[in-house]
Every structure is written in structure tokens, then in C-alpha cells.
């Protein structure tokens, strides 16, 4: 729900919600106002009132990292229990005592099923059979090797080593030039003032894409044990006429931020602005009930899995 005129109403029925319904490439102003990154990264309003006919904006910024000279690796896994607990020391059972004690090796202190049998301890999400000490994080793990060839279920289980990585980022200026930015929901007209608005907004979006790419390159910590460090500054190439040599540029993070700020100021002078305060929505009572019901169901299923 979107609070408007002191009364919450469905977001799509609000003024800004209805403005989004009217957005398209010839009227990108509503999205520029609310979420300019959607015009750079692309979006499809497939869940709106128009369904599959909802507004579509193609992605103008793409980026990929490719590893060159890749070698497939092998991963080892094992664990030594410092307490030396063996598997045959089990079984362990679900403790009947509710004072924070989860399991017990004594069947007399275990929670019983409807037939009076002690329930094996089975913490969900851990390996091993119900009742094994491994269900309580005890016991050794037999050393094993895994790689891509033998472990198809876990792709890249053994990891990959590369000689180096190349990142290619493309900012499509034609995609941005297709966007039009009329004012106040008016139809686009081929006037000098309108063309100035279009160029100003398009420039902001281009600067936003460049800024995103430059700032992302500062910290390439992709995941655990995968930290990339650039060997040289990022180089941009402006493609001109076919058959001509591209013009090469370097930008850098600080220059990209300064360029974006300058472009935003120019667009404001041309009358193209975006909301600087976030649009705050509140959940409807029905949504709150659905979330609560989902969480309760998830907790119930987790408890049932732990008691199997």
C-alpha cells in the first residue's frame, strides 16, 4: 500500500503507480523519476495490470567476466572430531527435556513417538542417518575427493584455476537514445526543448552506467577464494563509424562520479529530475497474514523434519 492523501491505497492505484502503467520507450519519464537504474539495467513490468504487455525496457549495460586458461581442480573434504566420537557410539535421541537440551544418548530420557518408541535425533540439513552422532556435529568425516567429472550434481565442486580473467562491459548508447522523456505525462513532440530534455536524461543514464561499472571494478571480491585484482585501469572504447578505429578512453571511479553529478545537474536545469527520497510502502493486512502463515508453516515443517 502507498500512503497518499493520508490514506493508504493499493500502490498500482496511486498516482505514481498509474504513472508506471503508462511508461514505455516514448515516455520513460516515470521510471526516470522513480528508478532510473531500471532504464540502464532493463526491466519488464510483467506482473502489472497489463501482464505480458507491460512496459519493457531493454538492458543498456551488460558485463561479463571470462576466465582464460582454465584448469579444473579437485576438492578434498574431511573432519576429525576432537572428542574422537565414533559413529557406533550412537544412536542419539531427541531429548524430552525442554531446557535447551536437543539430544540425549539415553533412550529413557528421549521423547517418545505414539508407539512409545524413542525418537532418533535428526537435525534437518545435516548429513548422516537419523540417530548418528553426526546429526549433533560429532564424529569424523571420511576424507574424500570431488571434481567436476565425478561429481556432476555439484558443478565446480573441485573449483577452477585460471591464468587470468577478462571483463568486458558494454554500454549501449543506441538503447538509451531510443528513450524519450516528455514532461508531465504529455505526448512527445519534436521540439528543441523536448530534444534537450531527452539528451539530458540520456546523458545521465549513460553516466550512471559508466559510474556503476567503474565503482564495481574497485572491489572484485566475487566470492570466497575468488578475489580478482585489475592489472591495469579499465579502458573504454567508443565505437564510431564502421571500419574506423575505436576511440579509447580511461575514466576511473572518481571521474565517473564527477561526470554523473555534472550530468544530473544539467538534467535538472533541463527540467528532468528524479525523487531523492525513497518511496515508502506499507504492507496490506492480507500480505502480513500471508507472510505470517508462511513463516509458521516453515517452522512447523522444520520441526517435523527434526523429529523424523
Protein backbone atom coordinates (compact mmCIF):
# COMPACT_ATOMS: atom_id res chain seq x y z
CA UNK A 1 0.00 0.00 0.00
CA UNK A 2 1.15 3.55 -0.74
CA UNK A 3 0.11 6.27 1.72
CA UNK A 4 -1.45 9.08 -0.29
CA UNK A 5 -3.56 11.98 0.96
CA UNK A 6 -3.39 10.48 4.45
CA UNK A 7 -4.97 7.19 3.38
CA UNK A 8 -3.11 4.01 2.29
CA UNK A 9 -4.25 2.64 -1.03
CA UNK A 10 -3.01 -0.09 -3.39
CA UNK A 11 0.24 1.06 -4.96
CA UNK A 12 -0.97 0.49 -8.51
CA UNK A 13 -3.99 2.75 -7.84
CA UNK A 14 -1.82 5.62 -6.60
CA UNK A 15 -0.57 8.43 -8.81
CA UNK A 16 2.95 7.03 -9.10
CA UNK A 17 1.62 3.51 -9.66
CA UNK A 18 -0.60 4.68 -12.51
CA UNK A 19 2.31 6.64 -13.96
CA UNK A 20 4.37 3.45 -14.17
CA UNK A 21 1.47 1.77 -16.01
CA UNK A 22 1.84 4.39 -18.76
CA UNK A 23 5.63 4.11 -19.11
CA UNK A 24 7.18 3.00 -22.39
CA UNK A 25 10.17 3.96 -24.53
CA UNK A 26 8.37 7.12 -25.69
CA UNK A 27 7.52 8.03 -22.10
CA UNK A 28 10.35 6.88 -19.85
CA UNK A 29 9.90 9.84 -17.52
CA UNK A 30 8.01 7.92 -14.77
CA UNK A 31 10.78 5.34 -14.47
CA UNK A 32 13.48 8.00 -14.56
CA UNK A 33 11.66 9.71 -11.70
CA UNK A 34 11.29 6.58 -9.55
CA UNK A 35 14.01 4.12 -10.60
CA UNK A 36 16.50 5.34 -13.22
CA UNK A 37 18.63 2.20 -12.83
CA UNK A 38 15.75 0.23 -14.40
CA UNK A 39 16.35 2.16 -17.62
CA UNK A 40 20.04 1.18 -17.54
CA UNK A 41 19.73 -2.44 -16.42
CA UNK A 42 16.44 -3.16 -18.16
CA UNK A 43 13.04 -4.17 -16.81
CA UNK A 44 9.76 -5.84 -17.74
CA UNK A 45 6.58 -4.97 -15.90
CA UNK A 46 5.25 -8.50 -16.40
CA UNK A 47 3.35 -8.67 -13.09
CA UNK A 48 1.49 -5.39 -13.55
CA UNK A 49 -2.11 -4.94 -14.70
CA UNK A 50 -1.10 -5.39 -18.35
CA UNK A 51 0.62 -8.72 -17.71
CA UNK A 52 2.89 -9.75 -20.57
CA UNK A 53 2.03 -6.50 -22.36
CA UNK A 54 3.55 -4.44 -19.56
CA UNK A 55 6.33 -1.96 -20.23
CA UNK A 56 9.62 -3.43 -21.46
CA UNK A 57 12.97 -1.66 -21.45
CA UNK A 58 15.98 -3.42 -22.85
CA UNK A 59 19.19 -3.66 -20.87
CA UNK A 60 21.66 -0.98 -21.89
CA UNK A 61 24.53 -2.13 -19.65
CA UNK A 62 25.98 -5.64 -19.78
CA UNK A 63 29.13 -7.02 -18.22
CA UNK A 64 30.76 -10.44 -18.05
CA UNK A 65 33.96 -11.91 -16.65
CA UNK A 66 35.60 -14.78 -18.54
CA UNK A 67 38.39 -16.94 -17.15
CA UNK A 68 41.19 -17.69 -19.65
CA UNK A 69 43.33 -20.82 -19.46
CA UNK A 70 41.02 -22.67 -17.06
CA UNK A 71 42.15 -25.83 -15.27
CA UNK A 72 39.68 -27.99 -13.39
CA UNK A 73 40.58 -28.73 -9.80
CA UNK A 74 39.89 -31.33 -7.12
CA UNK A 75 38.46 -30.57 -3.71
CA UNK A 76 39.19 -32.53 -0.56
CA UNK A 77 36.88 -32.75 2.42
CA UNK A 78 37.34 -34.39 5.81
CA UNK A 79 36.89 -33.74 9.50
CA UNK A 80 38.50 -35.08 12.65
CA UNK A 81 36.31 -34.95 15.75
CA UNK A 82 38.46 -33.57 18.61
CA UNK A 83 36.43 -35.75 21.01
CA UNK A 84 37.05 -38.86 18.98
CA UNK A 85 33.37 -39.86 18.93
CA UNK A 86 32.74 -42.84 16.66
CA UNK A 87 29.59 -43.46 14.65
CA UNK A 88 28.86 -46.67 16.55
CA UNK A 89 28.69 -44.65 19.78
CA UNK A 90 25.12 -43.81 18.76
CA UNK A 91 22.29 -43.78 18.40
CA UNK A 92 21.30 -40.48 19.94
CA UNK A 93 17.71 -39.45 20.56
CA UNK A 94 15.58 -36.33 20.62
CA UNK A 95 15.67 -35.16 24.23
CA UNK A 96 12.38 -34.88 26.08
CA UNK A 97 13.83 -32.22 28.41
CA UNK A 98 12.91 -28.81 27.03
CA UNK A 99 15.66 -26.85 28.85
CA UNK A 100 17.68 -26.24 25.71
CA UNK A 101 18.98 -29.81 25.51
CA UNK A 102 18.41 -31.10 22.00
CA UNK A 103 19.57 -34.71 22.20
CA UNK A 104 20.45 -37.50 24.58
CA UNK A 105 22.16 -40.92 24.26
CA UNK A 106 19.78 -42.32 26.92
CA UNK A 107 16.58 -43.75 25.43
CA UNK A 108 14.87 -43.31 28.80
CA UNK A 109 15.32 -39.54 28.57
CA UNK A 110 14.19 -39.39 24.95
CA UNK A 111 10.93 -38.10 23.55
CA UNK A 112 8.66 -40.97 22.52
CA UNK A 113 6.52 -41.42 19.43
CA UNK A 114 2.88 -42.53 19.54
CA UNK A 115 4.02 -46.15 19.88
CA UNK A 116 6.22 -45.37 22.86
CA UNK A 117 9.50 -45.76 20.94
CA UNK A 118 12.29 -43.19 21.47
CA UNK A 119 12.63 -40.74 18.57
CA UNK A 120 16.00 -40.65 16.84
CA UNK A 121 17.64 -37.23 16.76
CA UNK A 122 17.55 -35.86 13.22
CA UNK A 123 18.54 -32.24 12.84
CA UNK A 124 17.50 -31.14 9.37
CA UNK A 125 20.13 -30.01 6.88
CA UNK A 126 23.00 -32.14 8.26
CA UNK A 127 24.47 -35.30 6.79
CA UNK A 128 24.23 -38.78 8.19
CA UNK A 129 21.41 -41.08 9.19
CA UNK A 130 18.91 -40.20 11.94
CA UNK A 131 20.45 -41.06 15.30
CA UNK A 132 24.06 -40.80 14.13
CA UNK A 133 26.32 -38.58 16.26
CA UNK A 134 26.97 -36.54 13.09
CA UNK A 135 23.43 -35.17 13.47
CA UNK A 136 24.76 -33.35 16.55
CA UNK A 137 28.01 -32.30 14.79
CA UNK A 138 30.07 -35.09 16.33
CA UNK A 139 32.11 -37.81 14.65
CA UNK A 140 34.74 -37.96 11.93
CA UNK A 141 34.20 -37.29 8.24
CA UNK A 142 35.98 -39.77 5.98
CA UNK A 143 38.40 -37.99 3.62
CA UNK A 144 37.08 -37.74 0.08
CA UNK A 145 37.89 -36.12 -3.25
CA UNK A 146 35.42 -34.44 -5.57
CA UNK A 147 35.82 -32.92 -9.00
CA UNK A 148 33.61 -31.89 -11.88
CA UNK A 149 33.97 -35.18 -13.75
CA UNK A 150 32.88 -37.39 -10.84
CA UNK A 151 30.53 -35.04 -9.05
CA UNK A 152 28.10 -33.79 -11.69
CA UNK A 153 25.45 -32.89 -9.10
CA UNK A 154 27.68 -30.21 -7.61
CA UNK A 155 29.07 -28.31 -10.58
CA UNK A 156 32.51 -26.80 -9.94
CA UNK A 157 32.84 -28.96 -6.82
CA UNK A 158 36.59 -29.11 -7.33
CA UNK A 159 36.99 -25.47 -8.30
CA UNK A 160 38.73 -23.93 -11.29
CA UNK A 161 42.10 -22.23 -11.61
CA UNK A 162 42.58 -19.68 -14.38
CA UNK A 163 45.61 -17.92 -15.82
CA UNK A 164 43.79 -14.59 -15.82
CA UNK A 165 40.31 -13.11 -16.21
CA UNK A 166 38.96 -10.64 -18.72
CA UNK A 167 35.98 -8.42 -18.04
CA UNK A 168 34.02 -6.96 -20.93
CA UNK A 169 31.45 -4.25 -20.23
CA UNK A 170 29.22 -2.83 -22.94
CA UNK A 171 27.11 0.31 -22.63
CA UNK A 172 24.62 0.54 -25.49
CA UNK A 173 24.12 4.18 -26.43
CA UNK A 174 21.55 3.26 -29.12
CA UNK A 175 19.39 1.67 -26.42
CA UNK A 176 19.49 4.90 -24.40
CA UNK A 177 18.86 7.10 -27.44
CA UNK A 178 15.53 5.34 -28.03
CA UNK A 179 14.19 6.63 -24.72
CA UNK A 180 12.04 9.76 -24.66
CA UNK A 181 11.30 11.94 -21.65
CA UNK A 182 8.22 14.15 -22.11
CA UNK A 183 7.14 16.28 -19.16
CA UNK A 184 4.02 15.91 -17.00
CA UNK A 185 2.69 12.91 -18.92
CA UNK A 186 2.37 14.89 -22.14
CA UNK A 187 2.82 13.30 -25.55
CA UNK A 188 6.30 13.57 -27.01
CA UNK A 189 6.72 16.34 -29.58
CA UNK A 190 9.72 17.04 -31.79
CA UNK A 191 10.64 20.42 -30.30
CA UNK A 192 14.05 21.80 -29.42
CA UNK A 193 13.08 21.91 -25.75
CA UNK A 194 11.98 18.26 -25.82
CA UNK A 195 15.16 17.14 -27.58
CA UNK A 196 17.18 18.94 -24.92
CA UNK A 197 15.27 17.08 -22.20
CA UNK A 198 15.88 13.77 -23.97
CA UNK A 199 19.61 14.37 -24.39
CA UNK A 200 19.99 15.49 -20.79
CA UNK A 201 18.23 12.39 -19.39
CA UNK A 202 20.04 10.06 -21.78
CA UNK A 203 23.36 11.55 -20.69
CA UNK A 204 22.52 10.92 -17.04
CA UNK A 205 21.70 7.29 -17.76
CA UNK A 206 24.92 6.83 -19.71
CA UNK A 207 26.92 8.40 -16.88
CA UNK A 208 25.04 6.19 -14.39
CA UNK A 209 26.10 3.08 -16.32
CA UNK A 210 29.73 4.22 -16.53
CA UNK A 211 29.75 5.06 -12.84
CA UNK A 212 28.32 1.64 -11.92
CA UNK A 213 30.96 -0.14 -13.99
CA UNK A 214 33.85 1.89 -12.60
CA UNK A 215 32.77 1.54 -8.98
CA UNK A 216 32.17 -2.21 -9.37
CA UNK A 217 35.72 -2.64 -10.65
CA UNK A 218 37.15 -1.20 -7.43
CA UNK A 219 36.33 -4.35 -5.42
CA UNK A 220 36.13 -7.60 -7.37
CA UNK A 221 35.61 -9.88 -4.36
CA UNK A 222 33.24 -12.22 -6.20
CA UNK A 223 33.01 -14.98 -3.59
CA UNK A 224 35.12 -16.95 -1.12
CA UNK A 225 38.61 -17.55 -2.56
CA UNK A 226 37.74 -15.62 -5.71
CA UNK A 227 39.20 -12.13 -5.41
CA UNK A 228 40.21 -10.50 -8.67
CA UNK A 229 42.58 -7.56 -8.85
CA UNK A 230 42.87 -5.47 -12.03
CA UNK A 231 46.34 -5.32 -13.55
CA UNK A 232 45.60 -2.09 -15.41
CA UNK A 233 42.98 0.67 -15.48
CA UNK A 234 39.73 -0.04 -17.23
CA UNK A 235 39.79 1.07 -20.86
CA UNK A 236 36.69 2.22 -22.68
CA UNK A 237 36.35 2.19 -26.45
CA UNK A 238 33.87 4.43 -28.26
CA UNK A 239 32.73 2.71 -31.43
CA UNK A 240 32.34 5.14 -34.32
CA UNK A 241 31.63 4.61 -38.00
CA UNK A 242 32.09 1.04 -39.28
CA UNK A 243 35.64 0.46 -40.42
CA UNK A 244 37.11 3.23 -38.25
CA UNK A 245 39.39 2.72 -35.26
CA UNK A 246 37.55 3.00 -31.93
CA UNK A 247 38.47 5.94 -29.73
CA UNK A 248 39.92 4.77 -26.41
CA UNK A 249 39.35 6.39 -23.02
CA UNK A 250 40.17 5.83 -19.36
CA UNK A 251 37.83 7.17 -16.72
CA UNK A 252 38.33 5.93 -13.16
CA UNK A 253 35.90 5.87 -10.25
CA UNK A 254 36.35 9.48 -9.09
CA UNK A 255 35.99 10.90 -12.59
CA UNK A 256 32.90 8.72 -13.18
CA UNK A 257 31.22 10.05 -10.03
CA UNK A 258 32.05 13.63 -11.01
CA UNK A 259 30.67 13.01 -14.51
CA UNK A 260 27.42 11.64 -13.08
CA UNK A 261 26.97 14.60 -10.75
CA UNK A 262 27.54 17.05 -13.61
CA UNK A 263 25.05 15.19 -15.81
CA UNK A 264 22.41 15.21 -13.05
CA UNK A 265 22.82 18.96 -12.59
CA UNK A 266 22.46 19.56 -16.34
CA UNK A 267 19.32 17.41 -16.44
CA UNK A 268 17.81 19.31 -13.53
CA UNK A 269 18.34 22.57 -15.41
CA UNK A 270 16.54 21.00 -18.36
CA UNK A 271 13.62 20.08 -16.10
CA UNK A 272 14.31 16.34 -15.78
CA UNK A 273 14.57 15.25 -12.15
CA UNK A 274 14.15 12.15 -10.01
CA UNK A 275 12.86 11.60 -6.50
CA UNK A 276 15.62 11.98 -3.95
CA UNK A 277 13.58 10.47 -1.12
CA UNK A 278 12.69 6.77 -1.23
CA UNK A 279 9.11 5.74 -1.94
CA UNK A 280 7.94 4.09 1.26
CA UNK A 281 5.27 1.42 1.04
CA UNK A 282 3.40 -0.33 3.85
CA UNK A 283 2.20 -3.95 3.64
CA UNK A 284 -1.51 -4.63 3.47
CA UNK A 285 -3.16 -6.62 6.24
CA UNK A 286 -3.63 -9.51 3.81
CA UNK A 287 0.08 -9.58 2.97
CA UNK A 288 1.06 -9.56 6.65
CA UNK A 289 -1.25 -12.52 7.28
CA UNK A 290 0.20 -14.42 4.32
CA UNK A 291 3.80 -13.83 5.44
CA UNK A 292 2.96 -14.90 9.00
CA UNK A 293 1.22 -18.04 7.76
CA UNK A 294 4.18 -18.90 5.53
CA UNK A 295 6.67 -18.48 8.39
CA UNK A 296 4.55 -20.59 10.73
CA UNK A 297 4.31 -23.33 8.09
CA UNK A 298 8.08 -23.26 7.51
CA UNK A 299 8.72 -23.52 11.26
CA UNK A 300 6.28 -26.44 11.52
CA UNK A 301 7.91 -28.31 8.64
CA UNK A 302 11.36 -27.74 10.13
CA UNK A 303 10.21 -29.14 13.47
CA UNK A 304 8.72 -32.19 11.76
CA UNK A 305 11.94 -32.86 9.84
CA UNK A 306 13.96 -32.60 13.04
CA UNK A 307 11.71 -35.16 14.71
CA UNK A 308 11.81 -37.81 11.97
